[in-house]
Amino acid sequence: MDIESLRYVVTLADELHFGRAAQQHFVTAGHFGRRVQRLERALGARLFDRTSRHVELTSVGQRVVSHARAVLLALDELRASADPLLRTEAGVLRVGVLGFGMAERWPLLRDLVGAAMPGIKLVYEDVDLYSQYDAVRRGDVDVAVVHYLGDLDGLLFQPVYTTPRVAIVPASSPFADADRLCLNDVADEGWVRVSGGHPRLAEWAGPAQQVPRGSPLVRTPSAVPGAVATTGLLGVHGAAASRYFARPDVRFVLLDGTPAEVAVATRRSDNRPIVQAFRQAVAALDHDPSGT
């Protein structure tokens, strides 16, 4: 049992529709449904009756959802009171970072934020492909540098840059010396599977999502090169990874397809000066669309 699954069943109780509930968490309906079923198995009780056209809470489900709401409310209150410094205007800003984040733009961004808000302290928080949006929405982080996959209610996205898609291949692979690969070149290869429930992530990852379920699975982009080196399979990433996650046993080769879009996400309702300063700094960056 985990907190995220409790949030899922509460959302499903509100929506009574798997597709709409999944959209609220920016994941696929299939992933959402499996998490609900996992919680039902852990509790040993059916929480929802579902048919092809209808979803309804069971009597047990009503009691569980009532308790889940109380648990989540208490957790949110605990988080809000745990460290008052994180809620001050000129104190600490928690920055969630996916993969290489802002890449070479970090020094300039820090300078711009510091000039706008002297004395600010940026705290690093790791996010993965599942948590990158929910971490912002829940308030686990104040801002996040994310792989942009489309707008989401309640969040404001500021584009930062795009970086071409690459295949990560073992140094011993016949593809290691290629200048560029198309999907036909690697159609029969095995891939490290990129974790993440959103359909647009699957579209971007391409062959790294269209693999058997038993394939090696990674939740964070930084883990892909190591997984490739370990398994001898191929992986997919943004081109900036060649600078930040380079290792001698893998190579980064341009792969045809949609570039990775990097953006900064904040809660639309969060207009604290410390967050506004970060937004203004992001807006002031010289955005290089190539990401190279």
Protein backbone atom coordinates (compact mmCIF):
# COMPACT_ATOMS: atom_id res chain seq x y z
CA MET A 1 0.00 0.00 0.00
CA ASP A 2 1.33 3.48 -0.83
CA ILE A 3 0.19 7.10 -0.69
CA GLU A 4 -0.03 7.45 -4.46
CA SER A 5 -2.48 4.55 -4.70
CA LEU A 6 -4.64 6.20 -2.02
CA ARG A 7 -4.70 9.35 -4.14
CA TYR A 8 -5.73 7.27 -7.14
CA VAL A 9 -8.73 5.68 -5.41
CA VAL A 10 -9.90 9.05 -4.07
CA THR A 11 -9.72 10.54 -7.57
CA LEU A 12 -11.59 7.55 -9.00
CA ALA A 13 -14.25 7.92 -6.32
CA ASP A 14 -14.72 11.54 -7.42
CA GLU A 15 -14.71 10.87 -11.17
CA LEU A 16 -16.21 7.35 -11.33
CA HIS A 17 -14.45 7.00 -14.67
CA PHE A 18 -11.02 5.42 -15.13
CA GLY A 19 -10.05 7.52 -18.15
CA ARG A 20 -10.89 10.87 -16.55
CA ALA A 21 -9.33 9.85 -13.24
CA ALA A 22 -6.12 8.77 -14.99
CA GLN A 23 -5.93 12.11 -16.78
CA GLN A 24 -5.98 13.87 -13.41
CA HIS A 25 -2.69 12.11 -12.59
CA PHE A 26 -1.25 12.39 -16.11
CA VAL A 27 -0.96 8.60 -16.55
CA THR A 28 -2.59 6.06 -18.83
CA ALA A 29 -5.86 4.42 -17.84
CA GLY A 30 -4.10 1.04 -17.89
CA HIS A 31 -1.43 2.11 -15.40
CA PHE A 32 -4.06 3.79 -13.24
CA GLY A 33 -6.26 0.69 -13.22
CA ARG A 34 -3.38 -1.60 -12.27
CA ARG A 35 -2.53 0.59 -9.28
CA VAL A 36 -6.14 0.52 -8.08
CA GLN A 37 -6.23 -3.27 -8.47
CA ARG A 38 -2.96 -3.57 -6.55
CA LEU A 39 -4.47 -1.65 -3.64
CA GLU A 40 -7.58 -3.82 -3.75
CA ARG A 41 -5.41 -6.94 -3.57
CA ALA A 42 -3.42 -5.47 -0.66
CA LEU A 43 -6.65 -4.76 1.24
CA GLY A 44 -8.27 -8.04 0.24
CA ALA A 45 -11.48 -6.26 -0.81
CA ARG A 46 -13.09 -4.89 -3.93
CA LEU A 47 -13.39 -1.10 -3.72
CA PHE A 48 -15.16 -0.48 -7.03
CA ASP A 49 -17.73 -2.35 -9.08
CA ARG A 50 -17.03 -1.72 -12.74
CA THR A 51 -18.64 -2.61 -16.02
CA SER A 52 -17.80 -1.43 -19.52
CA ARG A 53 -20.02 1.62 -18.94
CA HIS A 54 -20.18 2.19 -15.22
CA VAL A 55 -17.94 2.53 -12.15
CA GLU A 56 -19.42 2.51 -8.66
CA LEU A 57 -17.99 2.44 -5.14
CA THR A 58 -18.72 -0.69 -3.11
CA SER A 59 -19.73 -0.37 0.54
CA VAL A 60 -16.18 -1.30 1.51
CA GLY A 61 -14.88 1.21 -1.01
CA GLN A 62 -16.92 4.00 0.56
CA ARG A 63 -15.35 3.34 3.95
CA VAL A 64 -11.83 3.03 2.52
CA VAL A 65 -12.16 6.24 0.51
CA SER A 66 -13.46 8.09 3.56
CA HIS A 67 -10.41 6.97 5.56
CA ALA A 68 -8.10 7.69 2.60
CA ARG A 69 -9.36 11.28 2.39
CA ALA A 70 -8.63 11.74 6.10
CA VAL A 71 -5.13 10.24 5.71
CA LEU A 72 -4.29 12.42 2.71
CA LEU A 73 -5.62 15.54 4.43
CA ALA A 74 -3.50 14.80 7.49
CA LEU A 75 -0.47 14.15 5.30
CA ASP A 76 -0.91 17.43 3.44
CA GLU A 77 -1.26 19.30 6.73
CA LEU A 78 1.85 17.59 8.06
CA ARG A 79 3.81 18.51 4.96
CA ALA A 80 2.68 22.13 5.19
CA SER A 81 3.77 22.41 8.83
CA ALA A 82 6.92 20.27 8.68
CA ASP A 83 9.28 23.09 7.73
CA PRO A 84 7.88 26.62 7.92
CA LEU A 85 11.04 27.98 6.31
CA LEU A 86 9.99 26.39 3.03
CA ARG A 87 6.87 28.58 3.03
CA THR A 88 8.60 31.90 3.69
CA GLU A 89 8.92 34.48 0.94
CA ALA A 90 12.71 34.75 0.91
CA GLY A 91 13.85 31.41 2.29
CA VAL A 92 14.16 28.09 0.51
CA LEU A 93 12.89 27.07 -2.92
CA ARG A 94 12.59 23.34 -3.51
CA VAL A 95 13.50 22.56 -7.12
CA GLY A 96 12.49 19.19 -8.54
CA VAL A 97 14.84 18.04 -11.28
CA LEU A 98 14.34 15.33 -13.89
CA GLY A 99 17.51 14.01 -15.51
CA PHE A 100 19.91 16.75 -16.64
CA GLY A 101 17.35 19.45 -15.89
CA MET A 102 18.46 22.89 -17.10
CA ALA A 103 21.76 21.52 -18.48
CA GLU A 104 24.25 24.38 -19.12
CA ARG A 105 21.69 26.97 -18.04
CA TRP A 106 21.98 26.26 -14.32
CA PRO A 107 24.71 28.86 -13.53
CA LEU A 108 22.89 31.68 -15.33
CA LEU A 109 19.55 30.68 -13.81
CA ARG A 110 21.04 30.70 -10.30
CA ASP A 111 22.53 34.15 -10.92
CA LEU A 112 19.23 35.53 -12.21
CA VAL A 113 17.23 34.08 -9.32
CA GLY A 114 19.78 35.33 -6.78
CA ALA A 115 19.72 38.83 -8.26
CA ALA A 116 15.92 38.93 -8.05
CA MET A 117 15.74 37.38 -4.58
CA PRO A 118 19.00 37.89 -2.62
CA GLY A 119 19.65 35.23 -0.02
CA ILE A 120 17.50 32.60 -1.70
CA LYS A 121 18.53 28.98 -1.18
CA LEU A 122 17.76 26.45 -3.92
CA VAL A 123 17.25 22.90 -2.63
CA TYR A 124 17.59 19.99 -5.06
CA GLU A 125 14.86 17.35 -5.13
CA ASP A 126 14.97 14.34 -7.44
CA VAL A 127 11.84 13.57 -9.49
CA ASP A 128 11.21 10.68 -11.86
CA LEU A 129 9.08 10.18 -14.96
CA TYR A 130 6.05 9.23 -12.86
CA SER A 131 6.32 11.92 -10.19
CA GLN A 132 7.53 14.92 -12.20
CA TYR A 133 4.10 16.60 -12.40
CA ASP A 134 2.40 15.28 -9.28
CA ALA A 135 5.36 16.43 -7.17
CA VAL A 136 4.56 20.02 -8.16
CA ARG A 137 0.80 19.69 -7.85
CA ARG A 138 1.04 18.13 -4.36
CA GLY A 139 3.52 20.74 -3.17
CA ASP A 140 6.37 18.27 -2.64
CA VAL A 141 8.46 20.75 -4.66
CA ASP A 142 7.86 24.41 -5.47
CA VAL A 143 9.08 24.25 -9.06
CA ALA A 144 10.23 21.39 -11.29
CA VAL A 145 12.32 21.03 -14.42
CA VAL A 146 10.42 18.44 -16.42
CA HIS A 147 10.12 16.61 -19.72
CA TYR A 148 7.20 18.55 -21.17
CA LEU A 149 4.44 16.25 -22.40
CA GLY A 150 1.52 18.67 -22.68
CA ASP A 151 -0.39 21.13 -20.51
CA LEU A 152 -2.04 20.01 -17.30
CA ASP A 153 -4.77 21.77 -15.33
CA GLY A 154 -3.37 23.66 -12.38
CA LEU A 155 0.21 23.88 -13.69
CA LEU A 156 2.02 26.63 -15.57
CA PHE A 157 4.72 25.47 -18.00
CA GLN A 158 7.58 27.65 -19.25
CA PRO A 159 9.55 26.14 -22.16
CA VAL A 160 13.30 26.20 -21.73
CA TYR A 161 14.82 24.29 -24.65
CA THR A 162 14.55 21.22 -26.83
CA THR A 163 17.21 18.60 -27.27
CA PRO A 164 17.32 16.03 -30.11
CA ARG A 165 16.44 12.42 -29.42
CA VAL A 166 19.34 9.97 -29.22
CA ALA A 167 19.77 6.23 -28.97
CA ILE A 168 22.17 5.11 -26.25
CA VAL A 169 24.04 2.05 -27.51
CA PRO A 170 26.79 -0.13 -26.03
CA ALA A 171 30.25 0.88 -27.16
CA SER A 172 30.63 -2.63 -28.63
CA SER A 173 27.45 -2.30 -30.71
CA PRO A 174 27.68 -2.12 -34.53
CA PHE A 175 25.64 1.11 -34.18
CA ALA A 176 28.26 2.80 -32.00
CA ASP A 177 30.01 4.55 -34.90
CA ALA A 178 26.86 5.62 -36.76
CA ASP A 179 26.22 9.33 -37.29
CA ARG A 180 22.46 8.91 -37.14
CA LEU A 181 19.92 6.13 -36.84
CA CYS A 182 16.37 5.83 -38.12
CA LEU A 183 13.77 3.56 -36.58
CA ASN A 184 14.15 0.99 -39.36
CA ASP A 185 17.84 0.63 -38.44
CA VAL A 186 16.97 -0.50 -34.92
CA ALA A 187 13.58 -2.14 -35.50
CA ASP A 188 14.76 -5.57 -34.38
CA GLU A 189 16.83 -4.48 -31.39
CA GLY A 190 16.07 -4.96 -27.71
CA TRP A 191 15.52 -1.84 -25.60
CA VAL A 192 15.61 -0.71 -22.01
CA ARG A 193 12.03 0.24 -21.22
CA VAL A 194 11.40 3.83 -20.08
CA SER A 195 8.94 3.97 -17.20
CA GLY A 196 6.16 6.54 -17.21
CA GLY A 197 2.43 6.38 -17.65
CA HIS A 198 1.62 9.27 -19.98
CA PRO A 199 0.73 8.40 -23.60
CA ARG A 200 2.88 11.21 -25.01
CA LEU A 201 5.91 9.82 -23.21
CA ALA A 202 5.25 6.51 -24.96
CA GLU A 203 5.05 8.34 -28.30
CA TRP A 204 8.33 10.14 -27.64
CA ALA A 205 10.17 7.07 -26.35
CA GLY A 206 9.04 5.05 -29.38
CA PRO A 207 10.91 1.74 -29.45
CA ALA A 208 11.81 2.06 -25.76
CA GLN A 209 8.10 1.76 -24.89
CA GLN A 210 7.19 -0.81 -27.54
CA VAL A 211 9.01 -3.66 -25.82
CA PRO A 212 7.94 -6.78 -23.88
CA ARG A 213 6.79 -6.10 -20.33
CA GLY A 214 9.66 -8.17 -18.96
CA SER A 215 12.29 -5.84 -20.42
CA PRO A 216 14.52 -3.91 -17.99
CA LEU A 217 12.66 -0.87 -16.63
CA VAL A 218 14.08 2.50 -15.57
CA ARG A 219 12.17 5.27 -13.78
CA THR A 220 14.74 8.05 -14.12
CA PRO A 221 16.50 9.28 -17.29
CA SER A 222 19.86 9.30 -15.49
CA ALA A 223 19.61 5.51 -15.08
CA VAL A 224 19.32 4.75 -18.80
CA PRO A 225 23.07 4.76 -19.71
CA GLY A 226 23.89 2.42 -16.82
CA ALA A 227 21.07 0.10 -17.78
CA VAL A 228 22.32 0.01 -21.37
CA ALA A 229 25.87 -0.76 -20.25
CA THR A 230 24.62 -3.50 -17.93
CA THR A 231 22.23 -5.26 -20.31
CA GLY A 232 23.71 -4.63 -23.75
CA LEU A 233 20.31 -3.34 -24.88
CA LEU A 234 19.60 0.07 -26.42
CA GLY A 235 18.08 3.08 -24.66
CA VAL A 236 16.51 6.41 -25.63
CA HIS A 237 17.31 9.85 -24.22
CA GLY A 238 17.73 13.54 -25.01
CA ALA A 239 21.02 14.52 -26.67
CA ALA A 240 22.15 16.56 -23.65
CA ALA A 241 22.60 13.23 -21.85
CA SER A 242 25.82 12.72 -23.82
CA ARG A 243 27.38 15.53 -21.77
CA TYR A 244 25.89 14.80 -18.37
CA PHE A 245 25.65 11.01 -18.27
CA ALA A 246 28.61 10.06 -20.46
CA ARG A 247 30.46 6.84 -19.69
CA PRO A 248 33.14 4.94 -21.64
CA ASP A 249 31.02 1.84 -22.30
CA VAL A 250 28.14 3.54 -24.16
CA ARG A 251 27.71 5.86 -27.13
CA PHE A 252 25.03 8.45 -27.91
CA VAL A 253 23.78 8.39 -31.52
CA LEU A 254 21.17 10.73 -33.00
CA LEU A 255 17.86 8.93 -33.45
CA ASP A 256 15.14 10.18 -35.77
CA GLY A 257 12.04 11.34 -33.97
CA THR A 258 10.58 14.09 -31.83
CA PRO A 259 13.07 16.07 -29.73
CA ALA A 260 12.74 16.12 -25.96
CA GLU A 261 11.14 19.34 -24.70
CA VAL A 262 12.34 20.67 -21.36
CA ALA A 263 10.15 23.07 -19.36
CA VAL A 264 9.81 24.51 -15.88
CA ALA A 265 6.53 23.68 -14.14
CA THR A 266 4.96 25.65 -11.28
CA ARG A 267 1.52 25.70 -9.70
CA ARG A 268 -0.61 28.42 -11.33
CA SER A 269 -2.01 29.37 -7.95
CA ASP A 270 1.42 29.80 -6.36
CA ASN A 271 2.30 33.48 -6.68
CA ARG A 272 4.69 33.80 -3.77
CA PRO A 273 7.54 36.23 -4.53
CA ILE A 274 10.09 33.41 -4.35
CA VAL A 275 8.25 31.48 -7.08
CA GLN A 276 7.65 34.62 -9.14
CA ALA A 277 11.39 35.32 -9.00
CA PHE A 278 12.14 31.87 -10.39
CA ARG A 279 9.55 32.29 -13.18
CA GLN A 280 11.01 35.66 -14.13
CA ALA A 281 14.52 34.21 -14.21
CA VAL A 282 13.38 31.40 -16.51
CA ALA A 283 11.67 33.94 -18.79
CA ALA A 284 14.90 35.97 -18.94
CA LEU A 285 17.03 33.05 -20.11
CA ASP A 286 18.33 33.09 -23.66
CA HIS A 287 16.37 30.09 -24.91
CA ASP A 288 18.43 28.04 -27.35
CA PRO A 289 15.89 25.87 -29.21
CA SER A 290 18.51 23.34 -30.27
CA GLY A 291 19.51 22.15 -26.82
CA THR A 292 22.97 21.33 -28.15
